[in-house]
Amino acid sequence: VAVDRRHCTANVLADTRALPFRDDAFDLAVFDPPHTNLGPNSRMSACYGHLTMPDICDLVCQTSREAARCCRFGGLLALKWSDRDIPLTKVLGLMTEWRPLFGHGVSYRQRRAHSTRVSTTSWVMMLNRKLPG
């Protein structure tokens, strides 16, 4: 089941902060949230809408809570995150219903041609620690 509120390729059009599924409906969720603010006039904003960094943190927190509700106790969540603007450790701290199990960086990119800072895109597998019942 693919959920998105903007893409016509999704099976279900819904806001991930209020999923239309029953409690404990899934064993696995995959979460690839927006992870950067490129400005209101960027091509990405034209395609996906503009989110500020506080909006992104709120989306991660609320979607994480909804995903935990929809996944059974002990279910898994695969999180894709780029630390371009928000460190992975901060994002994991927003996802209190989940416990990171393992993960790794899959791509590395220099932020700007003149910069030595590198952003990392990572996948993290997480365990739902919501109490059953």
C-alpha atoms as a PDB file:
ATOM      1  CA  VAL A   1       0.000   0.000   0.000  1.00  0.00           C
ATOM      2  CA  ALA A   2       1.529   3.331  -1.019  1.00  0.00           C
ATOM      3  CA  VAL A   3       0.305   6.488   0.706  1.00  0.00           C
ATOM      4  CA  ASP A   4       0.928  10.012  -0.506  1.00  0.00           C
ATOM      5  CA  ARG A   5      -1.091  13.175  -0.505  1.00  0.00           C
ATOM      6  CA  ARG A   6       0.327  14.573  -3.742  1.00  0.00           C
ATOM      7  CA  HIS A   7       1.274  11.707  -6.080  1.00  0.00           C
ATOM      8  CA  CYS A   8      -1.241  10.085  -8.374  1.00  0.00           C
ATOM      9  CA  THR A   9       0.787   6.833  -8.250  1.00  0.00           C
ATOM     10  CA  ALA A  10      -0.197   6.217  -4.631  1.00  0.00           C
ATOM     11  CA  ASN A  11      -2.766   3.544  -3.809  1.00  0.00           C
ATOM     12  CA  VAL A  12      -4.165   5.711  -1.025  1.00  0.00           C
ATOM     13  CA  LEU A  13      -4.265   9.505  -1.058  1.00  0.00           C
ATOM     14  CA  ALA A  14      -3.967  10.568   2.570  1.00  0.00           C
ATOM     15  CA  ASP A  15      -1.987  12.741   4.916  1.00  0.00           C
ATOM     16  CA  THR A  16       0.549  10.507   6.663  1.00  0.00           C
ATOM     17  CA  ARG A  17      -0.163  12.356   9.918  1.00  0.00           C
ATOM     18  CA  ALA A  18      -3.703  10.860   9.932  1.00  0.00           C
ATOM     19  CA  LEU A  19      -3.562   7.457   8.235  1.00  0.00           C
ATOM     20  CA  PRO A  20      -6.867   5.788   7.279  1.00  0.00           C
ATOM     21  CA  PHE A  21      -5.849   2.343   8.551  1.00  0.00           C
ATOM     22  CA  ARG A  22      -6.857   0.355  11.622  1.00  0.00           C
ATOM     23  CA  ASP A  23      -4.499  -0.147  14.559  1.00  0.00           C
ATOM     24  CA  ASP A  24      -1.915  -2.934  14.130  1.00  0.00           C
ATOM     25  CA  ALA A  25      -2.742  -3.355  10.412  1.00  0.00           C
ATOM     26  CA  PHE A  26       0.859  -3.730   9.185  1.00  0.00           C
ATOM     27  CA  ASP A  27       4.112  -5.479  10.012  1.00  0.00           C
ATOM     28  CA  LEU A  28       6.318  -3.025   8.104  1.00  0.00           C
ATOM     29  CA  ALA A  29       6.231   0.640   7.143  1.00  0.00           C
ATOM     30  CA  VAL A  30       8.656   2.525   4.892  1.00  0.00           C
ATOM     31  CA  PHE A  31       9.060   6.253   5.546  1.00  0.00           C
ATOM     32  CA  ASP A  32      10.849   8.596   3.122  1.00  0.00           C
ATOM     33  CA  PRO A  33       9.873  12.054   4.387  1.00  0.00           C
ATOM     34  CA  PRO A  34      10.957  15.373   2.929  1.00  0.00           C
ATOM     35  CA  HIS A  35      14.279  16.222   4.517  1.00  0.00           C
ATOM     36  CA  THR A  36      15.251  19.654   3.248  1.00  0.00           C
ATOM     37  CA  ASN A  37      13.885  23.122   2.601  1.00  0.00           C
ATOM     38  CA  LEU A  38      14.990  24.393  -0.795  1.00  0.00           C
ATOM     39  CA  GLY A  39      12.844  27.532  -0.598  1.00  0.00           C
ATOM     40  CA  PRO A  40       9.300  28.362  -1.685  1.00  0.00           C
ATOM     41  CA  ASN A  41      10.302  29.081  -5.298  1.00  0.00           C
ATOM     42  CA  SER A  42      12.345  25.919  -5.903  1.00  0.00           C
ATOM     43  CA  ARG A  43      11.456  23.233  -8.409  1.00  0.00           C
ATOM     44  CA  MET A  44      10.999  20.748  -5.556  1.00  0.00           C
ATOM     45  CA  SER A  45       8.515  23.086  -3.846  1.00  0.00           C
ATOM     46  CA  ALA A  46       6.589  23.449  -7.108  1.00  0.00           C
ATOM     47  CA  CYS A  47       6.270  19.656  -7.335  1.00  0.00           C
ATOM     48  CA  TYR A  48       5.816  18.695  -3.685  1.00  0.00           C
ATOM     49  CA  GLY A  49       4.826  21.838  -1.816  1.00  0.00           C
ATOM     50  CA  HIS A  50       6.913  24.028   0.452  1.00  0.00           C
ATOM     51  CA  LEU A  51       7.728  22.891   3.973  1.00  0.00           C
ATOM     52  CA  THR A  52       9.812  24.833   6.484  1.00  0.00           C
ATOM     53  CA  MET A  53      12.276  22.990   8.702  1.00  0.00           C
ATOM     54  CA  PRO A  54       9.825  23.138  11.682  1.00  0.00           C
ATOM     55  CA  ASP A  55       7.118  21.757   9.340  1.00  0.00           C
ATOM     56  CA  ILE A  56       9.418  18.852   8.416  1.00  0.00           C
ATOM     57  CA  CYS A  57      10.165  18.069  12.082  1.00  0.00           C
ATOM     58  CA  ASP A  58       6.435  18.151  12.877  1.00  0.00           C
ATOM     59  CA  LEU A  59       5.671  15.882   9.911  1.00  0.00           C
ATOM     60  CA  VAL A  60       8.318  13.367  11.038  1.00  0.00           C
ATOM     61  CA  CYS A  61       7.022  13.364  14.621  1.00  0.00           C
ATOM     62  CA  GLN A  62       3.324  12.996  13.743  1.00  0.00           C
ATOM     63  CA  THR A  63       3.851  10.486  10.925  1.00  0.00           C
ATOM     64  CA  SER A  64       6.088   8.418  13.186  1.00  0.00           C
ATOM     65  CA  ARG A  65       3.311   8.277  15.781  1.00  0.00           C
ATOM     66  CA  GLU A  66       0.714   7.273  13.148  1.00  0.00           C
ATOM     67  CA  ALA A  67       2.996   4.631  11.650  1.00  0.00           C
ATOM     68  CA  ALA A  68       3.487   3.153  15.140  1.00  0.00           C
ATOM     69  CA  ARG A  69      -0.274   3.027  15.629  1.00  0.00           C
ATOM     70  CA  CYS A  70      -0.800   1.265  12.294  1.00  0.00           C
ATOM     71  CA  CYS A  71       2.070  -1.207  12.812  1.00  0.00           C
ATOM     72  CA  ARG A  72       1.838  -4.051  15.266  1.00  0.00           C
ATOM     73  CA  PHE A  73       4.001  -4.156  18.383  1.00  0.00           C
ATOM     74  CA  GLY A  74       7.403  -5.384  17.230  1.00  0.00           C
ATOM     75  CA  GLY A  75       6.703  -4.246  13.661  1.00  0.00           C
ATOM     76  CA  LEU A  76       9.406  -2.539  11.634  1.00  0.00           C
ATOM     77  CA  LEU A  77       9.875   0.844  10.031  1.00  0.00           C
ATOM     78  CA  ALA A  78      12.497   1.512   7.358  1.00  0.00           C
ATOM     79  CA  LEU A  79      13.443   5.208   7.464  1.00  0.00           C
ATOM     80  CA  LYS A  80      15.261   6.975   4.640  1.00  0.00           C
ATOM     81  CA  TRP A  81      16.888  10.220   5.735  1.00  0.00           C
ATOM     82  CA  SER A  82      19.367  12.739   4.326  1.00  0.00           C
ATOM     83  CA  ASP A  83      21.147  14.802   6.953  1.00  0.00           C
ATOM     84  CA  ARG A  84      21.559  17.758   4.618  1.00  0.00           C
ATOM     85  CA  ASP A  85      19.761  20.144   7.006  1.00  0.00           C
ATOM     86  CA  ILE A  86      18.657  18.111  10.034  1.00  0.00           C
ATOM     87  CA  PRO A  87      21.004  15.557  11.619  1.00  0.00           C
ATOM     88  CA  LEU A  88      19.805  11.965  11.696  1.00  0.00           C
ATOM     89  CA  THR A  89      20.209  11.892  15.487  1.00  0.00           C
ATOM     90  CA  LYS A  90      17.684  14.736  15.850  1.00  0.00           C
ATOM     91  CA  VAL A  91      15.187  12.959  13.578  1.00  0.00           C
ATOM     92  CA  LEU A  92      15.548   9.713  15.531  1.00  0.00           C
ATOM     93  CA  GLY A  93      14.861  11.712  18.698  1.00  0.00           C
ATOM     94  CA  LEU A  94      11.536  12.858  17.201  1.00  0.00           C
ATOM     95  CA  MET A  95      10.476   9.252  16.584  1.00  0.00           C
ATOM     96  CA  THR A  96       9.981   8.158  20.186  1.00  0.00           C
ATOM     97  CA  GLU A  97       7.722   5.191  19.364  1.00  0.00           C
ATOM     98  CA  TRP A  98      10.549   3.524  17.437  1.00  0.00           C
ATOM     99  CA  ARG A  99      13.907   2.086  18.471  1.00  0.00           C
ATOM    100  CA  PRO A 100      16.695   2.113  15.886  1.00  0.00           C
ATOM    101  CA  LEU A 101      18.046  -1.383  15.226  1.00  0.00           C
ATOM    102  CA  PHE A 102      20.618  -0.846  12.485  1.00  0.00           C
ATOM    103  CA  GLY A 103      21.318   1.287   9.459  1.00  0.00           C
ATOM    104  CA  HIS A 104      23.935   2.610   7.122  1.00  0.00           C
ATOM    105  CA  GLY A 105      24.728   5.499   4.827  1.00  0.00           C
ATOM    106  CA  VAL A 106      24.061   4.717   1.203  1.00  0.00           C
ATOM    107  CA  SER A 107      25.191   7.893  -0.537  1.00  0.00           C
ATOM    108  CA  TYR A 108      27.427  10.786   0.293  1.00  0.00           C
ATOM    109  CA  ARG A 109      27.306  14.187  -1.357  1.00  0.00           C
ATOM    110  CA  GLN A 110      29.317  17.350  -0.954  1.00  0.00           C
ATOM    111  CA  ARG A 111      26.896  20.110  -0.042  1.00  0.00           C
ATOM    112  CA  ARG A 112      28.425  22.749  -2.308  1.00  0.00           C
ATOM    113  CA  ALA A 113      31.357  22.755  -4.678  1.00  0.00           C
ATOM    114  CA  HIS A 114      33.383  25.012  -2.347  1.00  0.00           C
ATOM    115  CA  SER A 115      32.348  23.220   0.859  1.00  0.00           C
ATOM    116  CA  THR A 116      34.038  20.399   2.718  1.00  0.00           C
ATOM    117  CA  ARG A 117      30.758  19.444   4.446  1.00  0.00           C
ATOM    118  CA  VAL A 118      29.194  16.242   3.231  1.00  0.00           C
ATOM    119  CA  SER A 119      25.582  15.152   3.582  1.00  0.00           C
ATOM    120  CA  THR A 120      24.733  11.489   4.019  1.00  0.00           C
ATOM    121  CA  THR A 121      21.622   9.641   2.923  1.00  0.00           C
ATOM    122  CA  SER A 122      20.926   6.751   5.270  1.00  0.00           C
ATOM    123  CA  TRP A 123      18.482   3.903   5.705  1.00  0.00           C
ATOM    124  CA  VAL A 124      17.653   2.981   9.298  1.00  0.00           C
ATOM    125  CA  MET A 125      15.595  -0.056  10.335  1.00  0.00           C
ATOM    126  CA  MET A 126      13.553   0.643  13.452  1.00  0.00           C
ATOM    127  CA  LEU A 127      11.479  -1.477  15.852  1.00  0.00           C
ATOM    128  CA  ASN A 128       7.988  -0.451  17.004  1.00  0.00           C
ATOM    129  CA  ARG A 129       8.089  -0.312  20.792  1.00  0.00           C
ATOM    130  CA  LYS A 130       4.473   0.764  21.241  1.00  0.00           C
ATOM    131  CA  LEU A 131       2.923  -1.423  23.891  1.00  0.00           C
ATOM    132  CA  PRO A 132       0.457  -4.004  22.562  1.00  0.00           C
ATOM    133  CA  GLY A 133      -3.167  -3.756  23.374  1.00  0.00           C
END
